[in-house]
Amino acid sequence: MSYTIYRSPDAYKAWKASKKVISDHIDGAVAFDKHALEGALSGIVVSIVDGESTTSAAATVSFINQVVHNQSKDYNMQFLNKVKEVSVDDLKNSLKEFLLPIFQYDTSINIIVTAPVKTEVSFYPFPWGGLVGAREAYHYS
């Protein structure tokens, strides 16, 4: 699992805000938006349908699922039915188990790439107190 903050003027603030959003959803301080959950379900359905948009694509997916992955013929339908049954508590548990550890220094590996002039600003606000390991990366001139 990975998490990327791309082109943020303040990576620490973006990281901190992301952690807060996840923590607030886990703790119940912020409720899950019903429409966002429905949109996520729709996104999953669309991705499956797009993968089987033509007869040839559907046959390829069916072959790979059944022969290579040893899945049943109606695996995608079973999967969609299971996705519909996911509860808010299931989402909270998943956030806690899989996403929250990304924001904890003892359960994740964090890599920050920045311009040399922004090193102090980019690295040192993080709770782990700066860089662990090499302080300087390769400098190209």
N, C-alpha and C. Protein backbone atom coordinates (compact mmCIF):
# COMPACT_ATOMS: atom_id res chain seq x y z
N MET A 1 0.86 -1.15 0.00
CA MET A 1 0.00 0.00 0.00
C MET A 1 0.91 1.22 0.00
N SER A 2 0.52 2.22 -0.73
CA SER A 2 1.31 3.45 -0.75
C SER A 2 0.39 4.66 -0.71
N TYR A 3 0.98 5.76 -0.32
CA TYR A 3 0.26 7.02 -0.22
C TYR A 3 1.19 8.09 -0.75
N THR A 4 0.73 8.92 -1.65
CA THR A 4 1.57 9.93 -2.27
C THR A 4 0.98 11.32 -2.08
N ILE A 5 1.84 12.23 -1.68
CA ILE A 5 1.49 13.65 -1.67
C ILE A 5 2.32 14.25 -2.79
N TYR A 6 1.68 14.76 -3.80
CA TYR A 6 2.38 15.20 -5.00
C TYR A 6 2.22 16.70 -5.19
N ARG A 7 3.34 17.37 -5.31
CA ARG A 7 3.39 18.81 -5.60
C ARG A 7 2.68 19.68 -4.57
N SER A 8 2.76 19.31 -3.35
CA SER A 8 2.15 20.13 -2.31
C SER A 8 3.16 21.18 -1.86
N PRO A 9 2.73 22.42 -1.68
CA PRO A 9 3.66 23.43 -1.18
C PRO A 9 4.09 23.16 0.27
N ASP A 10 3.28 22.42 1.00
CA ASP A 10 3.63 22.06 2.37
C ASP A 10 3.21 20.61 2.61
N ALA A 11 4.16 19.70 2.36
CA ALA A 11 3.86 18.26 2.45
C ALA A 11 3.42 17.87 3.85
N TYR A 12 4.00 18.48 4.87
CA TYR A 12 3.63 18.12 6.24
C TYR A 12 2.18 18.46 6.53
N LYS A 13 1.73 19.64 6.11
CA LYS A 13 0.33 20.00 6.35
C LYS A 13 -0.62 19.05 5.60
N ALA A 14 -0.26 18.67 4.39
CA ALA A 14 -1.08 17.73 3.63
C ALA A 14 -1.10 16.37 4.31
N TRP A 15 0.07 15.91 4.79
CA TRP A 15 0.18 14.64 5.49
C TRP A 15 -0.66 14.66 6.77
N LYS A 16 -0.53 15.74 7.54
CA LYS A 16 -1.25 15.88 8.80
C LYS A 16 -2.77 15.92 8.57
N ALA A 17 -3.20 16.65 7.54
CA ALA A 17 -4.63 16.74 7.22
C ALA A 17 -5.17 15.38 6.78
N SER A 18 -4.40 14.65 6.01
CA SER A 18 -4.81 13.32 5.56
C SER A 18 -4.98 12.39 6.75
N LYS A 19 -4.02 12.42 7.66
CA LYS A 19 -4.09 11.57 8.86
C LYS A 19 -5.32 11.93 9.69
N LYS A 20 -5.60 13.23 9.80
CA LYS A 20 -6.75 13.68 10.59
C LYS A 20 -8.06 13.20 9.96
N VAL A 21 -8.19 13.29 8.65
CA VAL A 21 -9.41 12.84 7.98
C VAL A 21 -9.64 11.35 8.25
N ILE A 22 -8.58 10.56 8.13
CA ILE A 22 -8.72 9.12 8.37
C ILE A 22 -9.06 8.85 9.84
N SER A 23 -8.34 9.50 10.75
CA SER A 23 -8.60 9.30 12.19
C SER A 23 -10.01 9.73 12.57
N ASP A 24 -10.46 10.85 12.02
CA ASP A 24 -11.81 11.35 12.33
C ASP A 24 -12.89 10.38 11.84
N HIS A 25 -12.67 9.75 10.71
CA HIS A 25 -13.64 8.76 10.22
C HIS A 25 -13.63 7.51 11.09
N ILE A 26 -12.44 7.09 11.52
CA ILE A 26 -12.34 5.91 12.38
C ILE A 26 -13.03 6.16 13.72
N ASP A 27 -12.77 7.34 14.31
CA ASP A 27 -13.32 7.68 15.62
C ASP A 27 -14.80 8.05 15.59
N GLY A 28 -15.33 8.31 14.40
CA GLY A 28 -16.73 8.71 14.28
C GLY A 28 -16.94 10.20 14.42
N ALA A 29 -15.85 10.98 14.54
CA ALA A 29 -15.98 12.43 14.62
C ALA A 29 -16.54 12.99 13.32
N VAL A 30 -16.24 12.31 12.21
CA VAL A 30 -16.79 12.66 10.91
C VAL A 30 -17.50 11.43 10.37
N ALA A 31 -18.73 11.61 9.95
CA ALA A 31 -19.51 10.48 9.42
C ALA A 31 -19.15 10.24 7.96
N PHE A 32 -19.29 9.01 7.54
CA PHE A 32 -19.09 8.69 6.13
C PHE A 32 -20.25 9.29 5.35
N ASP A 33 -19.94 9.92 4.24
CA ASP A 33 -20.95 10.52 3.38
C ASP A 33 -21.62 9.42 2.56
N LYS A 34 -22.94 9.30 2.69
CA LYS A 34 -23.69 8.25 2.01
C LYS A 34 -23.49 8.32 0.51
N HIS A 35 -23.48 9.53 -0.04
CA HIS A 35 -23.33 9.69 -1.49
C HIS A 35 -21.92 9.32 -1.94
N ALA A 36 -20.93 9.61 -1.12
CA ALA A 36 -19.55 9.23 -1.45
C ALA A 36 -19.41 7.71 -1.46
N LEU A 37 -20.05 7.03 -0.51
CA LEU A 37 -20.01 5.57 -0.47
C LEU A 37 -20.70 4.98 -1.70
N GLU A 38 -21.83 5.55 -2.09
CA GLU A 38 -22.51 5.08 -3.29
C GLU A 38 -21.66 5.34 -4.52
N GLY A 39 -20.97 6.47 -4.54
CA GLY A 39 -20.08 6.78 -5.66
C GLY A 39 -18.92 5.81 -5.73
N ALA A 40 -18.39 5.40 -4.58
CA ALA A 40 -17.31 4.42 -4.56
C ALA A 40 -17.80 3.08 -5.10
N LEU A 41 -18.99 2.68 -4.70
CA LEU A 41 -19.57 1.43 -5.21
C LEU A 41 -19.76 1.52 -6.72
N SER A 42 -20.25 2.65 -7.19
CA SER A 42 -20.44 2.84 -8.63
C SER A 42 -19.10 2.76 -9.36
N GLY A 43 -18.06 3.30 -8.75
CA GLY A 43 -16.72 3.25 -9.35
C GLY A 43 -16.23 1.82 -9.51
N ILE A 44 -16.50 0.99 -8.51
CA ILE A 44 -16.10 -0.42 -8.58
C ILE A 44 -16.88 -1.13 -9.69
N VAL A 45 -18.17 -0.86 -9.77
CA VAL A 45 -19.00 -1.47 -10.82
C VAL A 45 -18.50 -1.04 -12.19
N VAL A 46 -18.22 0.24 -12.36
CA VAL A 46 -17.74 0.75 -13.66
C VAL A 46 -16.42 0.11 -14.04
N SER A 47 -15.51 -0.06 -13.07
CA SER A 47 -14.22 -0.65 -13.40
C SER A 47 -14.37 -2.10 -13.86
N ILE A 48 -15.30 -2.83 -13.27
CA ILE A 48 -15.53 -4.21 -13.69
C ILE A 48 -16.18 -4.23 -15.07
N VAL A 49 -17.18 -3.38 -15.27
CA VAL A 49 -17.87 -3.34 -16.56
C VAL A 49 -16.92 -2.89 -17.67
N ASP A 50 -16.07 -1.90 -17.40
CA ASP A 50 -15.11 -1.45 -18.41
C ASP A 50 -14.15 -2.56 -18.81
N GLY A 51 -13.79 -3.41 -17.86
CA GLY A 51 -12.90 -4.52 -18.16
C GLY A 51 -13.53 -5.58 -19.03
N GLU A 52 -14.86 -5.57 -19.10
CA GLU A 52 -15.60 -6.56 -19.90
C GLU A 52 -16.50 -5.87 -20.90
N SER A 53 -16.01 -4.78 -21.48
CA SER A 53 -16.86 -3.95 -22.34
C SER A 53 -17.14 -4.55 -23.71
N THR A 54 -16.32 -5.47 -24.17
CA THR A 54 -16.57 -6.14 -25.45
C THR A 54 -16.64 -7.65 -25.21
N THR A 55 -17.17 -8.35 -26.17
CA THR A 55 -17.26 -9.80 -26.04
C THR A 55 -15.88 -10.42 -25.89
N SER A 56 -14.94 -9.92 -26.67
CA SER A 56 -13.56 -10.43 -26.60
C SER A 56 -12.94 -10.17 -25.22
N ALA A 57 -13.13 -8.95 -24.70
CA ALA A 57 -12.59 -8.60 -23.38
C ALA A 57 -13.25 -9.45 -22.29
N ALA A 58 -14.55 -9.64 -22.39
CA ALA A 58 -15.26 -10.45 -21.40
C ALA A 58 -14.76 -11.90 -21.42
N ALA A 59 -14.52 -12.43 -22.62
CA ALA A 59 -14.01 -13.80 -22.73
C ALA A 59 -12.61 -13.91 -22.15
N THR A 60 -11.78 -12.90 -22.40
CA THR A 60 -10.41 -12.89 -21.86
C THR A 60 -10.44 -12.84 -20.34
N VAL A 61 -11.25 -11.95 -19.78
CA VAL A 61 -11.36 -11.83 -18.33
C VAL A 61 -11.89 -13.13 -17.74
N SER A 62 -12.89 -13.70 -18.37
CA SER A 62 -13.46 -14.96 -17.88
C SER A 62 -12.42 -16.07 -17.89
N PHE A 63 -11.65 -16.16 -18.97
CA PHE A 63 -10.61 -17.19 -19.06
C PHE A 63 -9.56 -17.00 -17.96
N ILE A 64 -9.07 -15.78 -17.81
CA ILE A 64 -8.04 -15.50 -16.80
C ILE A 64 -8.57 -15.79 -15.40
N ASN A 65 -9.78 -15.35 -15.12
CA ASN A 65 -10.36 -15.59 -13.79
C ASN A 65 -10.53 -17.07 -13.50
N GLN A 66 -11.04 -17.83 -14.46
CA GLN A 66 -11.33 -19.23 -14.23
C GLN A 66 -10.09 -20.13 -14.29
N VAL A 67 -9.24 -19.90 -15.28
CA VAL A 67 -8.10 -20.79 -15.49
C VAL A 67 -6.88 -20.38 -14.67
N VAL A 68 -6.54 -19.11 -14.75
CA VAL A 68 -5.32 -18.64 -14.08
C VAL A 68 -5.55 -18.45 -12.58
N HIS A 69 -6.65 -17.78 -12.22
CA HIS A 69 -6.91 -17.47 -10.81
C HIS A 69 -7.79 -18.50 -10.11
N ASN A 70 -8.26 -19.49 -10.85
CA ASN A 70 -9.10 -20.56 -10.29
C ASN A 70 -10.35 -20.01 -9.58
N GLN A 71 -10.97 -19.02 -10.21
CA GLN A 71 -12.18 -18.42 -9.65
C GLN A 71 -13.40 -18.96 -10.39
N SER A 72 -14.54 -18.85 -9.74
CA SER A 72 -15.77 -19.35 -10.36
C SER A 72 -16.18 -18.47 -11.54
N LYS A 73 -17.07 -19.02 -12.34
CA LYS A 73 -17.54 -18.32 -13.54
C LYS A 73 -18.22 -16.98 -13.19
N ASP A 74 -18.93 -16.97 -12.08
CA ASP A 74 -19.65 -15.76 -11.68
C ASP A 74 -18.92 -14.99 -10.56
N TYR A 75 -17.61 -15.05 -10.56
CA TYR A 75 -16.81 -14.41 -9.51
C TYR A 75 -17.13 -12.91 -9.39
N ASN A 76 -17.18 -12.20 -10.51
CA ASN A 76 -17.43 -10.76 -10.45
C ASN A 76 -18.79 -10.43 -9.83
N MET A 77 -19.81 -11.23 -10.12
CA MET A 77 -21.13 -11.01 -9.52
C MET A 77 -21.07 -11.27 -8.01
N GLN A 78 -20.37 -12.33 -7.61
CA GLN A 78 -20.23 -12.62 -6.19
C GLN A 78 -19.47 -11.48 -5.49
N PHE A 79 -18.43 -11.00 -6.16
CA PHE A 79 -17.64 -9.90 -5.61
C PHE A 79 -18.50 -8.65 -5.42
N LEU A 80 -19.29 -8.30 -6.43
CA LEU A 80 -20.15 -7.12 -6.33
C LEU A 80 -21.19 -7.28 -5.21
N ASN A 81 -21.73 -8.47 -5.05
CA ASN A 81 -22.68 -8.70 -3.96
C ASN A 81 -22.01 -8.52 -2.60
N LYS A 82 -20.76 -8.98 -2.48
CA LYS A 82 -20.03 -8.80 -1.22
C LYS A 82 -19.71 -7.33 -0.97
N VAL A 83 -19.38 -6.61 -2.02
CA VAL A 83 -19.08 -5.18 -1.87
C VAL A 83 -20.30 -4.43 -1.36
N LYS A 84 -21.48 -4.80 -1.87
CA LYS A 84 -22.72 -4.15 -1.43
C LYS A 84 -22.99 -4.37 0.06
N GLU A 85 -22.47 -5.47 0.61
CA GLU A 85 -22.71 -5.81 2.01
C GLU A 85 -21.73 -5.13 2.98
N VAL A 86 -20.75 -4.42 2.45
CA VAL A 86 -19.76 -3.77 3.32
C VAL A 86 -20.44 -2.70 4.16
N SER A 87 -20.19 -2.75 5.46
CA SER A 87 -20.82 -1.79 6.37
C SER A 87 -19.84 -0.67 6.72
N VAL A 88 -20.35 0.35 7.37
CA VAL A 88 -19.51 1.46 7.83
C VAL A 88 -18.49 0.95 8.85
N ASP A 89 -18.90 0.01 9.69
CA ASP A 89 -17.94 -0.57 10.64
C ASP A 89 -16.82 -1.31 9.92
N ASP A 90 -17.15 -1.99 8.83
CA ASP A 90 -16.12 -2.66 8.03
C ASP A 90 -15.13 -1.63 7.47
N LEU A 91 -15.66 -0.50 7.00
CA LEU A 91 -14.80 0.56 6.47
C LEU A 91 -13.90 1.13 7.57
N LYS A 92 -14.46 1.35 8.73
CA LYS A 92 -13.65 1.87 9.85
C LYS A 92 -12.54 0.90 10.21
N ASN A 93 -12.87 -0.37 10.27
CA ASN A 93 -11.86 -1.38 10.60
C ASN A 93 -10.76 -1.44 9.54
N SER A 94 -11.15 -1.31 8.28
CA SER A 94 -10.16 -1.32 7.20
C SER A 94 -9.26 -0.09 7.26
N LEU A 95 -9.85 1.07 7.53
CA LEU A 95 -9.05 2.28 7.67
C LEU A 95 -8.04 2.13 8.80
N LYS A 96 -8.52 1.58 9.90
CA LYS A 96 -7.65 1.41 11.08
C LYS A 96 -6.53 0.40 10.82
N GLU A 97 -6.87 -0.69 10.14
CA GLU A 97 -5.89 -1.75 9.91
C GLU A 97 -4.90 -1.44 8.79
N PHE A 98 -5.39 -0.80 7.71
CA PHE A 98 -4.55 -0.64 6.53
C PHE A 98 -4.04 0.78 6.27
N LEU A 99 -4.87 1.78 6.49
CA LEU A 99 -4.45 3.15 6.15
C LEU A 99 -3.78 3.89 7.30
N LEU A 100 -4.32 3.79 8.48
CA LEU A 100 -3.74 4.53 9.60
C LEU A 100 -2.27 4.17 9.85
N PRO A 101 -1.86 2.91 9.72
CA PRO A 101 -0.45 2.59 9.93
C PRO A 101 0.52 3.30 8.97
N ILE A 102 0.01 3.77 7.84
CA ILE A 102 0.87 4.52 6.91
C ILE A 102 1.37 5.81 7.57
N PHE A 103 0.62 6.34 8.49
CA PHE A 103 0.95 7.61 9.13
C PHE A 103 1.69 7.43 10.46
N GLN A 104 2.10 6.23 10.76
CA GLN A 104 2.84 5.97 12.00
C GLN A 104 4.25 5.56 11.64
N TYR A 105 5.22 6.25 12.22
CA TYR A 105 6.61 6.04 11.82
C TYR A 105 7.11 4.63 12.12
N ASP A 106 6.55 3.97 13.11
CA ASP A 106 7.04 2.64 13.47
C ASP A 106 6.39 1.52 12.64
N THR A 107 5.41 1.85 11.80
CA THR A 107 4.76 0.83 10.97
C THR A 107 4.82 1.16 9.48
N SER A 108 5.63 2.13 9.11
CA SER A 108 5.68 2.50 7.70
C SER A 108 7.07 2.96 7.31
N ILE A 109 7.29 3.00 6.04
CA ILE A 109 8.52 3.56 5.48
C ILE A 109 8.10 4.81 4.72
N ASN A 110 8.70 5.92 5.07
CA ASN A 110 8.34 7.18 4.45
C ASN A 110 9.52 7.71 3.64
N ILE A 111 9.23 8.12 2.43
CA ILE A 111 10.24 8.68 1.56
C ILE A 111 9.77 10.06 1.15
N ILE A 112 10.63 11.04 1.35
CA ILE A 112 10.30 12.40 0.98
C ILE A 112 11.35 12.86 -0.02
N VAL A 113 10.89 13.29 -1.18
CA VAL A 113 11.78 13.78 -2.22
C VAL A 113 11.48 15.27 -2.38
N THR A 114 12.52 16.08 -2.23
CA THR A 114 12.34 17.51 -2.32
C THR A 114 13.61 18.18 -2.81
N ALA A 115 13.50 19.41 -3.17
CA ALA A 115 14.67 20.19 -3.58
C ALA A 115 15.56 20.40 -2.35
N PRO A 116 16.88 20.44 -2.54
CA PRO A 116 17.79 20.62 -1.40
C PRO A 116 17.48 21.86 -0.55
N VAL A 117 17.02 22.92 -1.17
CA VAL A 117 16.73 24.15 -0.41
C VAL A 117 15.50 24.01 0.48
N LYS A 118 14.66 23.00 0.23
CA LYS A 118 13.45 22.81 1.04
C LYS A 118 13.60 21.68 2.05
N THR A 119 14.81 21.17 2.23
CA THR A 119 15.01 20.03 3.12
C THR A 119 14.54 20.33 4.54
N GLU A 120 14.97 21.43 5.10
CA GLU A 120 14.60 21.76 6.48
C GLU A 120 13.09 21.88 6.62
N VAL A 121 12.45 22.56 5.69
CA VAL A 121 11.01 22.79 5.75
C VAL A 121 10.24 21.49 5.52
N SER A 122 10.75 20.63 4.64
CA SER A 122 10.01 19.43 4.26
C SER A 122 10.14 18.29 5.26
N PHE A 123 11.31 18.09 5.85
CA PHE A 123 11.54 16.91 6.66
C PHE A 123 11.26 17.10 8.15
N TYR A 124 11.64 18.19 8.71
CA TYR A 124 11.70 18.28 10.17
C TYR A 124 10.37 18.50 10.89
N PRO A 125 9.31 18.90 10.24
CA PRO A 125 8.03 18.96 10.97
C PRO A 125 7.45 17.58 11.27
N PHE A 126 7.87 16.57 10.54
CA PHE A 126 7.29 15.24 10.74
C PHE A 126 7.65 14.70 12.12
N PRO A 127 6.76 13.90 12.71
CA PRO A 127 6.94 13.44 14.09
C PRO A 127 8.19 12.62 14.34
N TRP A 128 8.74 12.02 13.31
CA TRP A 128 9.92 11.21 13.52
C TRP A 128 11.18 12.05 13.55
N GLY A 129 11.05 13.38 13.46
CA GLY A 129 12.17 14.28 13.72
C GLY A 129 13.20 14.39 12.63
N GLY A 130 12.82 14.23 11.42
CA GLY A 130 13.78 14.42 10.34
C GLY A 130 14.16 13.12 9.68
N LEU A 131 15.30 13.14 9.08
CA LEU A 131 15.75 12.01 8.28
C LEU A 131 16.35 10.91 9.13
N VAL A 132 16.04 9.71 8.76
CA VAL A 132 16.71 8.55 9.33
C VAL A 132 17.57 8.02 8.20
N GLY A 133 18.84 7.93 8.42
CA GLY A 133 19.74 7.47 7.36
C GLY A 133 20.45 8.65 6.72
N ALA A 134 20.70 8.56 5.45
CA ALA A 134 21.49 9.58 4.76
C ALA A 134 20.77 10.92 4.76
N ARG A 135 21.51 11.97 5.06
CA ARG A 135 20.93 13.31 5.06
C ARG A 135 20.94 13.92 3.67
N GLU A 136 21.81 13.48 2.83
CA GLU A 136 21.90 14.09 1.52
C GLU A 136 21.73 13.02 0.45
N ALA A 137 20.91 13.32 -0.50
CA ALA A 137 20.73 12.42 -1.63
C ALA A 137 21.74 12.80 -2.71
N TYR A 138 21.63 12.16 -3.83
CA TYR A 138 22.52 12.49 -4.93
C TYR A 138 22.17 13.88 -5.45
N HIS A 139 23.19 14.68 -5.65
CA HIS A 139 22.98 16.02 -6.20
C HIS A 139 23.52 16.02 -7.63
N TYR A 140 22.69 16.44 -8.53
CA TYR A 140 23.09 16.49 -9.94
C TYR A 140 23.36 17.94 -10.30
N SER A 141 24.49 18.16 -10.97
CA SER A 141 24.78 19.54 -11.39
C SER A 141 24.93 19.62 -12.87
